[in-house]
Amino acid sequence: MRGNTVNLTDPSGRFAGLILPFLGLGTLNDVTSNGGRNTGKFLQDLCEGDVLGGLGSAFELMLPTLEALGKVAIALAVSIAASVVITAATFVIAAAIGVTSTFALAVGATALFLSGIGGGQTFRATSNVLNGKNWDNGLFNGQDMVVDGALSVITFGIFSKFTGGGITTFGAQGLNAGRQTVDAAKNFFKADEVLLEIQYFSGNVPPKTDGATPISVYSHVDDSGRVVQNAIYNNNGDVMAHIDFKPHGSSPSGHGHLFTTPGKPSTGHGRLYPHYPPGYFPPEWYKIPHNMSPLTPIGVGK
């Protein structure tokens, strides 16, 4: 371009290959909605050899397309998140009410159908908000919801033919994950109940490994009347943890050992197993008789 000091080159053609689709979409949008004004300015700049002006005009052409794509990406991300939550909730509810793997196909298809509906509705609502419309514009249309749900099931079924598995496998895996979630929730609330029912004992005899009072804490007292260790027992009376008030190595008084196999302290003691710091476990595990003290003050090392 004669008289222009700017020399822009693209020998690989990658920049042109990247920008041309957006430029084409921008031009189409400009012609249909703006009377082609930005397109005319872009062509004029090119004909006059104004490279910088042309780049500016090109950006103006592409900007609406880029904005639209950005909004679509945001709406898509939100809808995917909603679909994942709905799918997970479906499996958890199914597991909670006792649905077995015999119905894995039905549960899997239901989860996909509901996630398709939720994802479609969320996509529309997010797009409405981003485009300045009422959030519920066009929502809750029965036909759209059925189509979205059906497409979700059909699309997954098609792709699963290439990736392996299928809707039945998806349903079985989802139910298994749902059961694990339900069990974890039950154990969490059960743990709170257990803390309210703990019984406390103490004595000079070393703690039992099994056959103790279920849901209890036994404080092992030495000849000086100080507590050497607390043994924590589960609902079967098997020792499940120790709180040691005698420091060793780098672990201070009050550190804990949790046993991977209740009733077998060897599965939680030793260098191969974690030494949990004081205060890591529920405070009830550290409780000792009110008229006694730990062998070494909690938190103090060797």
Protein backbone atom coordinates (compact mmCIF):
# COMPACT_ATOMS: atom_id res chain seq x y z
CA MET A 1 0.00 0.00 0.00
CA ARG A 2 1.69 3.12 -1.26
CA GLY A 3 2.72 5.72 1.32
CA ASN A 4 1.91 3.49 4.30
CA THR A 5 4.78 2.98 6.74
CA VAL A 6 3.07 0.04 8.49
CA ASN A 7 3.98 -3.37 7.06
CA LEU A 8 1.86 -6.24 8.38
CA THR A 9 2.57 -9.77 7.19
CA ASP A 10 1.05 -13.18 7.94
CA PRO A 11 3.18 -15.74 6.08
CA SER A 12 1.58 -18.75 7.82
CA GLY A 13 -1.95 -17.62 7.11
CA ARG A 14 -3.00 -18.61 10.64
CA PHE A 15 -4.10 -15.13 11.64
CA ALA A 16 -6.23 -14.79 8.53
CA GLY A 17 -7.67 -18.26 9.07
CA LEU A 18 -8.59 -17.32 12.62
CA ILE A 19 -10.07 -13.91 11.93
CA LEU A 20 -11.93 -14.51 8.66
CA PRO A 21 -14.82 -16.55 10.17
CA PHE A 22 -15.49 -13.81 12.73
CA LEU A 23 -15.14 -11.15 10.04
CA GLY A 24 -17.59 -13.01 7.84
CA LEU A 25 -20.15 -13.39 10.62
CA GLY A 26 -19.68 -9.75 11.56
CA THR A 27 -20.23 -8.66 7.96
CA LEU A 28 -23.41 -10.74 7.68
CA ASN A 29 -24.71 -9.29 10.94
CA ASP A 30 -23.81 -5.74 9.84
CA VAL A 31 -25.52 -6.09 6.48
CA THR A 32 -28.71 -7.56 7.94
CA SER A 33 -29.07 -5.35 11.02
CA ASN A 34 -27.01 -2.22 10.35
CA GLY A 35 -27.45 -1.59 6.67
CA GLY A 36 -23.82 -2.56 6.00
CA ARG A 37 -22.43 0.76 7.32
CA ASN A 38 -19.46 -0.78 9.14
CA THR A 39 -18.78 -3.05 6.19
CA GLY A 40 -18.64 -0.06 3.86
CA LYS A 41 -16.25 1.74 6.19
CA PHE A 42 -14.02 -1.35 6.34
CA LEU A 43 -13.86 -1.67 2.54
CA GLN A 44 -13.20 2.06 2.15
CA ASP A 45 -10.27 1.89 4.57
CA LEU A 46 -8.81 -1.06 2.67
CA CYS A 47 -9.14 0.71 -0.66
CA GLU A 48 -7.47 3.82 0.70
CA GLY A 49 -4.60 1.78 2.13
CA ASP A 50 -5.41 2.77 5.72
CA VAL A 51 -4.28 -0.39 7.52
CA LEU A 52 -4.86 0.86 11.05
CA GLY A 53 -8.23 2.26 10.10
CA GLY A 54 -9.07 -1.03 8.45
CA LEU A 55 -8.16 -2.94 11.60
CA GLY A 56 -10.39 -0.63 13.60
CA SER A 57 -13.26 -1.12 11.17
CA ALA A 58 -12.70 -4.88 11.23
CA PHE A 59 -12.88 -4.87 15.03
CA GLU A 60 -16.14 -2.90 14.89
CA LEU A 61 -17.49 -5.48 12.47
CA MET A 62 -16.49 -8.41 14.68
CA LEU A 63 -17.37 -6.88 18.06
CA PRO A 64 -21.11 -7.77 18.02
CA THR A 65 -20.24 -11.34 17.04
CA LEU A 66 -17.62 -11.62 19.77
CA GLU A 67 -20.04 -10.22 22.33
CA ALA A 68 -22.73 -12.66 21.23
CA LEU A 69 -20.31 -15.59 21.41
CA GLY A 70 -19.21 -14.50 24.87
CA LYS A 71 -22.81 -14.42 26.07
CA VAL A 72 -23.44 -17.85 24.57
CA ALA A 73 -20.34 -19.22 26.31
CA ILE A 74 -21.47 -17.85 29.67
CA ALA A 75 -25.01 -19.18 29.25
CA LEU A 76 -23.64 -22.55 28.17
CA ALA A 77 -21.33 -22.77 31.20
CA VAL A 78 -24.20 -21.96 33.57
CA SER A 79 -26.49 -24.48 31.89
CA ILE A 80 -23.85 -27.23 32.09
CA ALA A 81 -23.37 -26.53 35.79
CA ALA A 82 -27.14 -26.72 36.31
CA SER A 83 -27.32 -29.99 34.38
CA VAL A 84 -24.58 -31.53 36.51
CA VAL A 85 -26.33 -30.49 39.74
CA ILE A 86 -29.69 -31.83 38.54
CA THR A 87 -28.13 -35.13 37.45
CA ALA A 88 -26.37 -35.58 40.79
CA ALA A 89 -29.53 -34.66 42.72
CA THR A 90 -31.55 -37.20 40.73
CA PHE A 91 -29.15 -40.00 41.61
CA VAL A 92 -28.98 -39.00 45.29
CA ILE A 93 -32.78 -38.88 45.57
CA ALA A 94 -33.12 -42.23 43.80
CA ALA A 95 -30.56 -43.79 46.14
CA ALA A 96 -32.19 -42.22 49.20
CA ILE A 97 -35.59 -43.75 48.40
CA GLY A 98 -34.02 -47.15 47.84
CA VAL A 99 -34.03 -47.52 44.04
CA THR A 100 -31.82 -50.49 43.12
CA SER A 101 -29.50 -51.03 40.18
CA THR A 102 -32.23 -53.16 38.56
CA PHE A 103 -33.74 -49.87 37.45
CA ALA A 104 -30.42 -48.36 36.34
CA LEU A 105 -31.65 -47.75 32.79
CA ALA A 106 -34.78 -45.93 33.95
CA VAL A 107 -32.88 -43.86 36.52
CA GLY A 108 -30.14 -42.99 34.02
CA ALA A 109 -32.66 -41.93 31.38
CA THR A 110 -34.62 -39.90 33.96
CA ALA A 111 -31.47 -38.12 35.14
CA LEU A 112 -30.52 -37.26 31.54
CA PHE A 113 -34.05 -36.12 30.70
CA LEU A 114 -34.31 -33.86 33.75
CA SER A 115 -30.80 -32.47 33.24
CA GLY A 116 -31.70 -31.65 29.63
CA ILE A 117 -34.78 -29.75 30.77
CA GLY A 118 -32.87 -27.93 33.52
CA GLY A 119 -29.96 -27.13 31.25
CA GLY A 120 -32.22 -25.79 28.50
CA GLN A 121 -34.23 -23.63 30.87
CA THR A 122 -31.09 -22.31 32.55
CA PHE A 123 -29.50 -21.50 29.19
CA ARG A 124 -32.56 -19.49 28.13
CA ALA A 125 -32.82 -17.68 31.47
CA THR A 126 -29.13 -16.74 31.46
CA SER A 127 -29.29 -15.58 27.84
CA ASN A 128 -32.33 -13.44 28.69
CA VAL A 129 -30.51 -11.73 31.55
CA LEU A 130 -27.36 -11.13 29.49
CA ASN A 131 -29.40 -9.63 26.66
CA GLY A 132 -31.43 -7.32 28.89
CA LYS A 133 -34.69 -9.25 28.70
CA ASN A 134 -36.93 -10.54 31.47
CA TRP A 135 -35.30 -13.67 32.86
CA ASP A 136 -38.41 -15.79 32.30
CA ASN A 137 -38.99 -14.70 28.71
CA GLY A 138 -39.84 -17.83 26.70
CA LEU A 139 -39.34 -20.15 29.68
CA PHE A 140 -41.52 -23.02 30.86
CA ASN A 141 -42.72 -23.88 27.38
CA GLY A 142 -43.82 -27.50 27.60
CA GLN A 143 -42.77 -28.37 24.06
CA ASP A 144 -39.29 -26.90 24.53
CA MET A 145 -38.85 -28.77 27.78
CA VAL A 146 -39.80 -32.11 26.26
CA VAL A 147 -37.53 -31.52 23.27
CA ASP A 148 -34.59 -30.50 25.50
CA GLY A 149 -35.03 -33.58 27.70
CA ALA A 150 -35.38 -35.95 24.77
CA LEU A 151 -32.34 -34.48 22.99
CA SER A 152 -30.28 -34.96 26.14
CA VAL A 153 -31.16 -38.66 26.31
CA ILE A 154 -30.73 -39.25 22.58
CA THR A 155 -27.42 -37.36 22.37
CA PHE A 156 -25.97 -39.25 25.31
CA GLY A 157 -27.16 -42.55 23.85
CA ILE A 158 -25.48 -41.82 20.51
CA PHE A 159 -22.17 -40.71 21.96
CA SER A 160 -22.09 -43.59 24.43
CA LYS A 161 -22.08 -45.99 21.48
CA PHE A 162 -18.64 -44.66 20.59
CA THR A 163 -17.29 -44.21 24.12
CA GLY A 164 -18.73 -47.41 25.59
CA GLY A 165 -21.03 -47.84 28.55
CA GLY A 166 -24.48 -46.65 27.64
CA ILE A 167 -27.38 -45.25 29.65
CA THR A 168 -27.69 -48.37 31.82
CA THR A 169 -24.04 -48.17 32.88
CA PHE A 170 -24.43 -44.44 33.46
CA GLY A 171 -27.44 -45.10 35.66
CA ALA A 172 -25.70 -47.83 37.66
CA GLN A 173 -22.63 -45.67 38.25
CA GLY A 174 -24.80 -42.72 39.22
CA LEU A 175 -26.82 -44.80 41.68
CA ASN A 176 -23.60 -46.07 43.24
CA ALA A 177 -22.33 -42.52 43.66
CA GLY A 178 -25.73 -41.52 45.06
CA ARG A 179 -25.59 -44.30 47.65
CA GLN A 180 -22.11 -43.21 48.72
CA THR A 181 -23.37 -39.65 49.16
CA VAL A 182 -26.38 -40.82 51.18
CA ASP A 183 -24.18 -43.08 53.34
CA ALA A 184 -21.73 -40.24 53.95
CA ALA A 185 -24.59 -37.97 55.05
CA LYS A 186 -25.97 -40.65 57.35
CA ASN A 187 -22.56 -41.24 58.90
CA PHE A 188 -22.10 -37.49 59.40
CA PHE A 189 -25.34 -37.12 61.32
CA LYS A 190 -24.77 -40.41 63.10
CA ALA A 191 -21.37 -39.12 64.26
CA ASP A 192 -23.11 -36.11 65.83
CA GLU A 193 -25.50 -38.43 67.64
CA VAL A 194 -22.64 -40.63 68.82
CA LEU A 195 -20.88 -37.68 70.42
CA LEU A 196 -23.95 -37.06 72.56
CA GLU A 197 -23.99 -40.68 73.82
CA ILE A 198 -20.32 -41.15 74.72
CA GLN A 199 -19.61 -42.81 78.07
CA TYR A 200 -16.35 -42.19 79.92
CA PHE A 201 -14.25 -44.66 81.92
CA SER A 202 -10.75 -44.70 83.39
CA GLY A 203 -8.39 -47.17 85.04
CA ASN A 204 -4.84 -48.44 85.47
CA VAL A 205 -5.38 -51.43 83.17
CA PRO A 206 -4.21 -50.95 79.57
CA PRO A 207 -7.13 -50.28 77.20
CA LYS A 208 -8.84 -53.14 75.44
CA THR A 209 -8.68 -53.51 71.70
CA ASP A 210 -12.21 -54.93 71.47
CA GLY A 211 -15.07 -55.95 73.70
CA ALA A 212 -15.23 -52.58 75.45
CA THR A 213 -18.33 -50.52 76.16
CA PRO A 214 -19.63 -49.31 72.79
CA ILE A 215 -19.32 -45.60 72.07
CA SER A 216 -17.00 -44.83 74.95
CA VAL A 217 -13.69 -43.25 75.88
CA TYR A 218 -11.33 -45.03 78.24
CA SER A 219 -8.56 -43.03 79.93
CA HIS A 220 -5.51 -45.13 80.80
CA VAL A 221 -3.98 -43.80 84.03
CA ASP A 222 -0.39 -44.50 85.15
CA ASP A 223 0.83 -45.05 88.72
CA SER A 224 1.29 -41.30 89.24
CA GLY A 225 -2.39 -40.68 88.54
CA ARG A 226 -1.85 -38.98 85.19
CA VAL A 227 -3.53 -39.97 81.94
CA VAL A 228 -1.22 -41.61 79.43
CA GLN A 229 -3.73 -42.31 76.68
CA ASN A 230 -7.40 -42.14 75.72
CA ALA A 231 -8.85 -45.08 73.81
CA ILE A 232 -11.88 -44.31 71.63
CA TYR A 233 -14.38 -47.12 70.99
CA ASN A 234 -16.95 -47.40 68.19
CA ASN A 235 -20.50 -48.75 68.40
CA ASN A 236 -19.17 -52.33 68.30
CA GLY A 237 -16.84 -51.78 71.25
CA ASP A 238 -13.74 -51.95 69.01
CA VAL A 239 -11.00 -49.40 69.57
CA MET A 240 -10.98 -47.00 66.63
CA ALA A 241 -8.49 -44.35 67.77
CA HIS A 242 -5.94 -43.42 70.43
CA ILE A 243 -5.17 -39.98 71.81
CA ASP A 244 -1.64 -40.13 73.24
CA PHE A 245 -0.62 -37.75 76.02
CA LYS A 246 2.94 -39.00 75.87
CA PRO A 247 4.92 -37.27 73.09
CA HIS A 248 7.21 -39.21 70.82
CA GLY A 249 9.28 -38.25 67.83
CA SER A 250 8.00 -34.93 66.49
CA SER A 251 4.44 -35.55 67.76
CA PRO A 252 3.48 -33.58 70.87
CA SER A 253 1.19 -34.61 73.70
CA GLY A 254 -2.41 -34.88 72.53
CA HIS A 255 -1.60 -36.26 69.08
CA GLY A 256 -3.93 -38.92 67.71
CA HIS A 257 -3.90 -42.20 65.84
CA LEU A 258 -6.87 -43.32 63.73
CA PHE A 259 -7.09 -47.03 62.93
CA THR A 260 -7.97 -48.12 59.42
CA THR A 261 -9.23 -51.41 60.90
CA PRO A 262 -11.10 -50.92 64.20
CA GLY A 263 -9.87 -53.27 66.90
CA LYS A 264 -6.33 -53.35 65.47
CA PRO A 265 -4.17 -50.49 66.79
CA SER A 266 -1.32 -51.65 64.55
CA THR A 267 -3.27 -50.20 61.60
CA GLY A 268 -2.81 -46.66 62.91
CA HIS A 269 0.44 -46.63 64.90
CA GLY A 270 3.95 -46.42 63.52
CA ARG A 271 5.86 -44.29 61.05
CA LEU A 272 3.77 -45.44 58.11
CA TYR A 273 0.58 -43.94 59.52
CA PRO A 274 -0.49 -40.32 60.12
CA HIS A 275 0.03 -38.74 63.53
CA TYR A 276 -2.84 -36.27 63.83
CA PRO A 277 -2.12 -33.02 65.69
CA PRO A 278 -3.83 -32.06 68.97
CA GLY A 279 -7.36 -30.80 68.43
CA TYR A 280 -7.79 -32.56 65.09
CA PHE A 281 -10.53 -34.89 66.38
CA PRO A 282 -13.79 -34.05 68.25
CA PRO A 283 -13.10 -32.44 71.64
CA GLU A 284 -14.91 -35.32 73.38
CA TRP A 285 -12.03 -37.61 72.44
CA TYR A 286 -9.60 -35.53 74.51
CA LYS A 287 -11.71 -35.45 77.67
CA ILE A 288 -10.10 -36.92 80.80
CA PRO A 289 -11.38 -37.27 84.40
CA HIS A 290 -11.80 -33.81 85.94
CA ASN A 291 -9.44 -34.52 88.84
CA MET A 292 -6.60 -35.75 86.61
CA SER A 293 -4.12 -34.23 84.19
CA PRO A 294 -2.44 -35.57 81.05
CA LEU A 295 1.02 -37.14 81.43
CA THR A 296 2.42 -34.21 79.45
CA PRO A 297 0.52 -30.98 78.87
CA ILE A 298 -1.27 -31.05 75.51
CA GLY A 299 0.79 -29.48 72.75
CA VAL A 300 4.12 -30.00 74.52
CA GLY A 301 6.72 -32.17 72.76
CA LYS A 302 9.65 -34.20 73.99
